[in-house]
Amino acid sequence: MKKFEYLLLDTVSGFFSGIDYQELTNRLNQLGSQGWEVVSVVDTIFTHNMVRGLLFTLKREVGG
Protein backbone atom coordinates (compact mmCIF):
# COMPACT_ATOMS: atom_id res chain seq x y z
CA MET A 1 0.00 0.00 0.00
CA LYS A 2 1.26 3.48 -0.84
CA LYS A 3 1.98 5.86 2.03
CA PHE A 4 2.08 9.64 1.85
CA GLU A 5 3.20 12.57 3.94
CA TYR A 6 1.57 15.99 3.72
CA LEU A 7 2.77 19.58 3.93
CA LEU A 8 0.71 22.77 4.36
CA LEU A 9 2.10 25.93 2.80
CA ASP A 10 0.41 29.19 3.86
CA THR A 11 1.12 32.41 1.94
CA VAL A 12 -0.01 34.56 4.89
CA SER A 13 2.44 33.35 7.53
CA GLY A 14 5.68 31.47 7.75
CA PHE A 15 7.80 31.48 4.59
CA PHE A 16 5.59 34.07 2.84
CA SER A 17 3.93 37.26 4.06
CA GLY A 18 1.39 37.95 1.35
CA ILE A 19 1.42 36.62 -2.19
CA ASP A 20 4.59 37.25 -4.16
CA TYR A 21 3.96 35.11 -7.25
CA GLN A 22 7.61 34.81 -8.28
CA GLU A 23 8.63 33.76 -4.78
CA LEU A 24 5.69 31.34 -4.65
CA THR A 25 6.63 29.85 -8.02
CA ASN A 26 10.24 29.42 -6.92
CA ARG A 27 9.17 27.73 -3.66
CA LEU A 28 6.74 25.37 -5.39
CA ASN A 29 9.40 24.42 -7.95
CA GLN A 30 11.87 23.76 -5.13
CA LEU A 31 9.34 21.55 -3.32
CA GLY A 32 8.42 19.81 -6.59
CA SER A 33 12.06 18.86 -7.11
CA GLN A 34 11.92 17.23 -3.65
CA GLY A 35 8.95 15.09 -4.69
CA TRP A 36 6.11 17.27 -3.33
CA GLU A 37 2.94 17.63 -5.42
CA VAL A 38 0.22 20.25 -4.91
CA VAL A 39 -3.12 18.52 -4.31
CA SER A 40 -5.29 21.51 -3.33
CA VAL A 41 -5.28 25.29 -3.00
CA VAL A 42 -7.77 27.24 -0.87
CA ASP A 43 -8.11 31.01 -0.51
CA THR A 44 -7.87 31.83 3.18
CA ILE A 45 -8.46 35.59 3.29
CA PHE A 46 -10.76 37.29 0.80
CA THR A 47 -11.36 41.02 1.27
CA HIS A 48 -12.29 43.85 -1.07
CA ASN A 49 -12.70 41.38 -3.97
CA MET A 50 -9.05 40.29 -3.68
CA VAL A 51 -7.47 37.10 -2.41
CA ARG A 52 -5.00 37.95 0.34
CA GLY A 53 -3.92 34.44 1.32
CA LEU A 54 -3.64 30.94 -0.08
CA LEU A 55 -3.27 27.61 1.70
CA PHE A 56 -1.59 24.89 -0.36
CA THR A 57 -1.77 21.21 0.53
CA LEU A 58 1.09 19.17 -0.88
CA LYS A 59 1.82 15.46 -0.66
CA ARG A 60 4.62 13.07 -1.52
CA GLU A 61 4.98 9.35 -1.34
CA VAL A 62 7.12 7.92 1.43
CA GLY A 63 8.88 4.59 1.29
CA GLY A 64 8.03 1.69 3.45
PDB file of N, CA and C in Angstrom:
ATOM      1  N   MET A   1       0.839  -1.168   0.000  1.00  0.00           N
ATOM      2  CA  MET A   1       0.000   0.000   0.000  1.00  0.00           C
ATOM      3  C   MET A   1       0.896   1.247   0.000  1.00  0.00           C
ATOM      4  N   LYS A   2       0.506   2.231  -0.801  1.00  0.00           N
ATOM      5  CA  LYS A   2       1.259   3.479  -0.841  1.00  0.00           C
ATOM      6  C   LYS A   2       1.027   4.264   0.439  1.00  0.00           C
ATOM      7  N   LYS A   3       2.080   4.985   0.867  1.00  0.00           N
ATOM      8  CA  LYS A   3       1.984   5.863   2.031  1.00  0.00           C
ATOM      9  C   LYS A   3       2.435   7.259   1.618  1.00  0.00           C
ATOM     10  N   PHE A   4       1.795   8.260   2.209  1.00  0.00           N
ATOM     11  CA  PHE A   4       2.081   9.636   1.853  1.00  0.00           C
ATOM     12  C   PHE A   4       2.343  10.476   3.093  1.00  0.00           C
ATOM     13  N   GLU A   5       3.087  11.545   2.910  1.00  0.00           N
ATOM     14  CA  GLU A   5       3.201  12.574   3.936  1.00  0.00           C
ATOM     15  C   GLU A   5       2.681  13.865   3.322  1.00  0.00           C
ATOM     16  N   TYR A   6       2.226  14.762   4.175  1.00  0.00           N
ATOM     17  CA  TYR A   6       1.574  15.986   3.719  1.00  0.00           C
ATOM     18  C   TYR A   6       2.267  17.218   4.284  1.00  0.00           C
ATOM     19  N   LEU A   7       2.167  18.315   3.549  1.00  0.00           N
ATOM     20  CA  LEU A   7       2.771  19.582   3.935  1.00  0.00           C
ATOM     21  C   LEU A   7       1.768  20.683   3.625  1.00  0.00           C
ATOM     22  N   LEU A   8       1.554  21.595   4.581  1.00  0.00           N
ATOM     23  CA  LEU A   8       0.709  22.766   4.362  1.00  0.00           C
ATOM     24  C   LEU A   8       1.606  23.971   4.161  1.00  0.00           C
ATOM     25  N   LEU A   9       1.325  24.739   3.129  1.00  0.00           N
ATOM     26  CA  LEU A   9       2.101  25.930   2.798  1.00  0.00           C
ATOM     27  C   LEU A   9       1.130  27.104   2.775  1.00  0.00           C
ATOM     28  N   ASP A  10       1.310  28.050   3.689  1.00  0.00           N
ATOM     29  CA  ASP A  10       0.410  29.186   3.855  1.00  0.00           C
ATOM     30  C   ASP A  10       1.107  30.453   3.383  1.00  0.00           C
ATOM     31  N   THR A  11       0.484  31.194   2.463  1.00  0.00           N
ATOM     32  CA  THR A  11       1.122  32.409   1.942  1.00  0.00           C
ATOM     33  C   THR A  11       0.969  33.598   2.884  1.00  0.00           C
ATOM     34  N   VAL A  12       0.207  33.449   3.960  1.00  0.00           N
ATOM     35  CA  VAL A  12      -0.015  34.557   4.889  1.00  0.00           C
ATOM     36  C   VAL A  12       1.028  34.572   5.998  1.00  0.00           C
ATOM     37  N   SER A  13       1.477  33.419   6.428  1.00  0.00           N
ATOM     38  CA  SER A  13       2.442  33.351   7.526  1.00  0.00           C
ATOM     39  C   SER A  13       3.588  32.427   7.145  1.00  0.00           C
ATOM     40  N   GLY A  14       4.563  32.373   7.984  1.00  0.00           N
ATOM     41  CA  GLY A  14       5.683  31.473   7.751  1.00  0.00           C
ATOM     42  C   GLY A  14       6.592  31.996   6.656  1.00  0.00           C
ATOM     43  N   PHE A  15       6.850  31.179   5.648  1.00  0.00           N
ATOM     44  CA  PHE A  15       7.798  31.481   4.586  1.00  0.00           C
ATOM     45  C   PHE A  15       7.396  32.732   3.805  1.00  0.00           C
ATOM     46  N   PHE A  16       6.095  32.939   3.615  1.00  0.00           N
ATOM     47  CA  PHE A  16       5.594  34.074   2.845  1.00  0.00           C
ATOM     48  C   PHE A  16       4.891  35.055   3.775  1.00  0.00           C
ATOM     49  N   SER A  17       4.789  36.294   3.369  1.00  0.00           N
ATOM     50  CA  SER A  17       3.931  37.256   4.056  1.00  0.00           C
ATOM     51  C   SER A  17       3.192  38.020   2.977  1.00  0.00           C
ATOM     52  N   GLY A  18       2.101  37.443   2.506  1.00  0.00           N
ATOM     53  CA  GLY A  18       1.389  37.951   1.348  1.00  0.00           C
ATOM     54  C   GLY A  18       1.760  37.117   0.143  1.00  0.00           C
ATOM     55  N   ILE A  19       1.192  37.440  -0.992  1.00  0.00           N
ATOM     56  CA  ILE A  19       1.418  36.620  -2.186  1.00  0.00           C
ATOM     57  C   ILE A  19       2.389  37.325  -3.119  1.00  0.00           C
ATOM     58  N   ASP A  20       3.603  36.833  -3.179  1.00  0.00           N
ATOM     59  CA  ASP A  20       4.593  37.251  -4.163  1.00  0.00           C
ATOM     60  C   ASP A  20       4.687  36.086  -5.138  1.00  0.00           C
ATOM     61  N   TYR A  21       4.116  36.244  -6.333  1.00  0.00           N
ATOM     62  CA  TYR A  21       3.964  35.113  -7.246  1.00  0.00           C
ATOM     63  C   TYR A  21       5.286  34.537  -7.723  1.00  0.00           C
ATOM     64  N   GLN A  22       6.305  35.345  -7.882  1.00  0.00           N
ATOM     65  CA  GLN A  22       7.609  34.805  -8.278  1.00  0.00           C
ATOM     66  C   GLN A  22       8.208  33.974  -7.148  1.00  0.00           C
ATOM     67  N   GLU A  23       8.120  34.493  -5.931  1.00  0.00           N
ATOM     68  CA  GLU A  23       8.628  33.758  -4.775  1.00  0.00           C
ATOM     69  C   GLU A  23       7.846  32.453  -4.587  1.00  0.00           C
ATOM     70  N   LEU A  24       6.533  32.527  -4.769  1.00  0.00           N
ATOM     71  CA  LEU A  24       5.687  31.336  -4.651  1.00  0.00           C
ATOM     72  C   LEU A  24       6.054  30.301  -5.706  1.00  0.00           C
ATOM     73  N   THR A  25       6.240  30.749  -6.940  1.00  0.00           N
ATOM     74  CA  THR A  25       6.631  29.846  -8.025  1.00  0.00           C
ATOM     75  C   THR A  25       7.963  29.180  -7.721  1.00  0.00           C
ATOM     76  N   ASN A  26       8.931  29.963  -7.261  1.00  0.00           N
ATOM     77  CA  ASN A  26      10.245  29.417  -6.916  1.00  0.00           C
ATOM     78  C   ASN A  26      10.132  28.361  -5.816  1.00  0.00           C
ATOM     79  N   ARG A  27       9.334  28.661  -4.785  1.00  0.00           N
ATOM     80  CA  ARG A  27       9.173  27.733  -3.658  1.00  0.00           C
ATOM     81  C   ARG A  27       8.484  26.443  -4.097  1.00  0.00           C
ATOM     82  N   LEU A  28       7.432  26.571  -4.907  1.00  0.00           N
ATOM     83  CA  LEU A  28       6.739  25.370  -5.387  1.00  0.00           C
ATOM     84  C   LEU A  28       7.636  24.531  -6.281  1.00  0.00           C
ATOM     85  N   ASN A  29       8.448  25.173  -7.123  1.00  0.00           N
ATOM     86  CA  ASN A  29       9.403  24.425  -7.949  1.00  0.00           C
ATOM     87  C   ASN A  29      10.436  23.709  -7.093  1.00  0.00           C
ATOM     88  N   GLN A  30      10.901  24.371  -6.044  1.00  0.00           N
ATOM     89  CA  GLN A  30      11.866  23.755  -5.127  1.00  0.00           C
ATOM     90  C   GLN A  30      11.246  22.525  -4.461  1.00  0.00           C
ATOM     91  N   LEU A  31      10.015  22.681  -3.965  1.00  0.00           N
ATOM     92  CA  LEU A  31       9.338  21.554  -3.320  1.00  0.00           C
ATOM     93  C   LEU A  31       9.040  20.444  -4.324  1.00  0.00           C
ATOM     94  N   GLY A  32       8.668  20.811  -5.546  1.00  0.00           N
ATOM     95  CA  GLY A  32       8.417  19.812  -6.588  1.00  0.00           C
ATOM     96  C   GLY A  32       9.649  18.977  -6.887  1.00  0.00           C
ATOM     97  N   SER A  33      10.813  19.601  -6.867  1.00  0.00           N
ATOM     98  CA  SER A  33      12.057  18.858  -7.112  1.00  0.00           C
ATOM     99  C   SER A  33      12.386  17.904  -5.966  1.00  0.00           C
ATOM    100  N   GLN A  34      11.739  18.113  -4.804  1.00  0.00           N
ATOM    101  CA  GLN A  34      11.921  17.227  -3.651  1.00  0.00           C
ATOM    102  C   GLN A  34      10.820  16.159  -3.585  1.00  0.00           C
ATOM    103  N   GLY A  35       9.982  16.120  -4.617  1.00  0.00           N
ATOM    104  CA  GLY A  35       8.948  15.085  -4.689  1.00  0.00           C
ATOM    105  C   GLY A  35       7.567  15.524  -4.221  1.00  0.00           C
ATOM    106  N   TRP A  36       7.410  16.780  -3.795  1.00  0.00           N
ATOM    107  CA  TRP A  36       6.114  17.272  -3.334  1.00  0.00           C
ATOM    108  C   TRP A  36       5.230  17.611  -4.522  1.00  0.00           C
ATOM    109  N   GLU A  37       3.931  17.336  -4.386  1.00  0.00           N
ATOM    110  CA  GLU A  37       2.941  17.625  -5.418  1.00  0.00           C
ATOM    111  C   GLU A  37       1.775  18.389  -4.781  1.00  0.00           C
ATOM    112  N   VAL A  38       1.362  19.490  -5.407  1.00  0.00           N
ATOM    113  CA  VAL A  38       0.216  20.255  -4.909  1.00  0.00           C
ATOM    114  C   VAL A  38      -1.054  19.453  -5.189  1.00  0.00           C
ATOM    115  N   VAL A  39      -1.864  19.255  -4.144  1.00  0.00           N
ATOM    116  CA  VAL A  39      -3.124  18.518  -4.314  1.00  0.00           C
ATOM    117  C   VAL A  39      -4.344  19.408  -4.111  1.00  0.00           C
ATOM    118  N   SER A  40      -4.173  20.566  -3.446  1.00  0.00           N
ATOM    119  CA  SER A  40      -5.287  21.514  -3.335  1.00  0.00           C
ATOM    120  C   SER A  40      -4.771  22.894  -2.967  1.00  0.00           C
ATOM    121  N   VAL A  41      -5.565  23.899  -3.342  1.00  0.00           N
ATOM    122  CA  VAL A  41      -5.284  25.289  -2.996  1.00  0.00           C
ATOM    123  C   VAL A  41      -6.603  25.920  -2.564  1.00  0.00           C
ATOM    124  N   VAL A  42      -6.579  26.601  -1.413  1.00  0.00           N
ATOM    125  CA  VAL A  42      -7.775  27.240  -0.875  1.00  0.00           C
ATOM    126  C   VAL A  42      -7.437  28.687  -0.547  1.00  0.00           C
ATOM    127  N   ASP A  43      -8.335  29.613  -0.923  1.00  0.00           N
ATOM    128  CA  ASP A  43      -8.111  31.005  -0.512  1.00  0.00           C
ATOM    129  C   ASP A  43      -8.513  31.132   0.950  1.00  0.00           C
ATOM    130  N   THR A  44      -7.662  31.776   1.731  1.00  0.00           N
ATOM    131  CA  THR A  44      -7.873  31.834   3.177  1.00  0.00           C
ATOM    132  C   THR A  44      -8.352  33.197   3.653  1.00  0.00           C
ATOM    133  N   ILE A  45      -8.030  34.243   2.920  1.00  0.00           N
ATOM    134  CA  ILE A  45      -8.464  35.592   3.289  1.00  0.00           C
ATOM    135  C   ILE A  45      -8.935  36.275   2.009  1.00  0.00           C
ATOM    136  N   PHE A  46     -10.195  36.646   1.983  1.00  0.00           N
ATOM    137  CA  PHE A  46     -10.763  37.287   0.798  1.00  0.00           C
ATOM    138  C   PHE A  46     -11.428  38.577   1.231  1.00  0.00           C
ATOM    139  N   THR A  47     -10.808  39.715   0.892  1.00  0.00           N
ATOM    140  CA  THR A  47     -11.363  41.024   1.266  1.00  0.00           C
ATOM    141  C   THR A  47     -11.298  41.964   0.081  1.00  0.00           C
ATOM    142  N   HIS A  48     -12.250  42.829  -0.014  1.00  0.00           N
ATOM    143  CA  HIS A  48     -12.288  43.852  -1.068  1.00  0.00           C
ATOM    144  C   HIS A  48     -12.096  43.238  -2.454  1.00  0.00           C
ATOM    145  N   ASN A  49     -12.746  42.074  -2.678  1.00  0.00           N
ATOM    146  CA  ASN A  49     -12.701  41.378  -3.972  1.00  0.00           C
ATOM    147  C   ASN A  49     -11.299  40.937  -4.380  1.00  0.00           C
ATOM    148  N   MET A  50     -10.407  40.761  -3.395  1.00  0.00           N
ATOM    149  CA  MET A  50      -9.053  40.295  -3.677  1.00  0.00           C
ATOM    150  C   MET A  50      -8.677  39.168  -2.718  1.00  0.00           C
ATOM    151  N   VAL A  51      -7.997  38.168  -3.252  1.00  0.00           N
ATOM    152  CA  VAL A  51      -7.475  37.096  -2.410  1.00  0.00           C
ATOM    153  C   VAL A  51      -6.218  37.602  -1.726  1.00  0.00           C
ATOM    154  N   ARG A  52      -6.157  37.481  -0.423  1.00  0.00           N
ATOM    155  CA  ARG A  52      -4.997  37.952   0.344  1.00  0.00           C
ATOM    156  C   ARG A  52      -4.146  36.799   0.869  1.00  0.00           C
ATOM    157  N   GLY A  53      -4.679  35.583   0.819  1.00  0.00           N
ATOM    158  CA  GLY A  53      -3.922  34.444   1.325  1.00  0.00           C
ATOM    159  C   GLY A  53      -4.337  33.154   0.641  1.00  0.00           C
ATOM    160  N   LEU A  54      -3.396  32.246   0.511  1.00  0.00           N
ATOM    161  CA  LEU A  54      -3.645  30.939  -0.080  1.00  0.00           C
ATOM    162  C   LEU A  54      -3.058  29.863   0.830  1.00  0.00           C
ATOM    163  N   LEU A  55      -3.762  28.763   0.945  1.00  0.00           N
ATOM    164  CA  LEU A  55      -3.266  27.610   1.699  1.00  0.00           C
ATOM    165  C   LEU A  55      -3.124  26.449   0.725  1.00  0.00           C
ATOM    166  N   PHE A  56      -1.885  25.996   0.542  1.00  0.00           N
ATOM    167  CA  PHE A  56      -1.587  24.890  -0.358  1.00  0.00           C
ATOM    168  C   PHE A  56      -1.438  23.611   0.457  1.00  0.00           C
ATOM    169  N   THR A  57      -2.009  22.538  -0.019  1.00  0.00           N
ATOM    170  CA  THR A  57      -1.766  21.215   0.534  1.00  0.00           C
ATOM    171  C   THR A  57      -0.942  20.452  -0.479  1.00  0.00           C
ATOM    172  N   LEU A  58       0.205  19.944  -0.019  1.00  0.00           N
ATOM    173  CA  LEU A  58       1.089  19.167  -0.880  1.00  0.00           C
ATOM    174  C   LEU A  58       1.252  17.779  -0.289  1.00  0.00           C
ATOM    175  N   LYS A  59       1.554  16.804  -1.147  1.00  0.00           N
ATOM    176  CA  LYS A  59       1.822  15.456  -0.660  1.00  0.00           C
ATOM    177  C   LYS A  59       2.977  14.857  -1.447  1.00  0.00           C
ATOM    178  N   ARG A  60       3.619  13.885  -0.816  1.00  0.00           N
ATOM    179  CA  ARG A  60       4.619  13.075  -1.517  1.00  0.00           C
ATOM    180  C   ARG A  60       4.605  11.685  -0.930  1.00  0.00           C
ATOM    181  N   GLU A  61       4.955  10.747  -1.761  1.00  0.00           N
ATOM    182  CA  GLU A  61       4.976   9.354  -1.344  1.00  0.00           C
ATOM    183  C   GLU A  61       6.196   9.096  -0.469  1.00  0.00           C
ATOM    184  N   VAL A  62       6.003   8.319   0.576  1.00  0.00           N
ATOM    185  CA  VAL A  62       7.117   7.915   1.429  1.00  0.00           C
ATOM    186  C   VAL A  62       7.333   6.415   1.283  1.00  0.00           C
ATOM    187  N   GLY A  63       8.561   6.005   1.406  1.00  0.00           N
ATOM    188  CA  GLY A  63       8.881   4.593   1.290  1.00  0.00           C
ATOM    189  C   GLY A  63       8.419   3.801   2.485  1.00  0.00           C
ATOM    190  N   GLY A  64       8.317   2.516   2.296  1.00  0.00           N
ATOM    191  CA  GLY A  64       8.027   1.694   3.449  1.00  0.00           C
ATOM    192  C   GLY A  64       6.814   0.931   3.331  1.00  0.00           C
TER     193      GLY A  64
END
